[in-house]
Amino acid sequence: MKTLFAITLIILCLSGLLESILIKFGDLEFTVDDAMKLKDVIGEEKEFGHKMEGILNLCKEPTLPANFKPICQKNDAPQVFSTLYDIASNPYPCDICSFAVCTGCT
């Protein structure tokens, strides 16, 4: 029972930590949870890489959350989407601030 309580407490702490970390690109801000939702839309294979046609397809995707739509207007959209995907694929390095775009780490 104590083990279950400890595991639950750790999971709650980690989820709270992920919510407090912001990923900033200029005036745009996203949480790690937002990045994970984007990864779900993109799928397991990052199809777009740094190709603009892949980004245009992603931006037309009806399941793309509205808070990501402004990225589609940016010249560096492929790089921004790629970075968000990479963070979502392995959010724990973000927890220790290894991604320069993450803030809110302690």
Foldseek 3Di string as FASTA:
>chain_A
DVVVVVVVVVVVVVVVLQQQKWFDDPPAIDTLVLLLQLCVLCDPDNPCQQPLVSLVVSLPDPSNDPSLNVLNVDPRSNVVNVVSNVCNVPVVVVLVPPDVRMDRHD
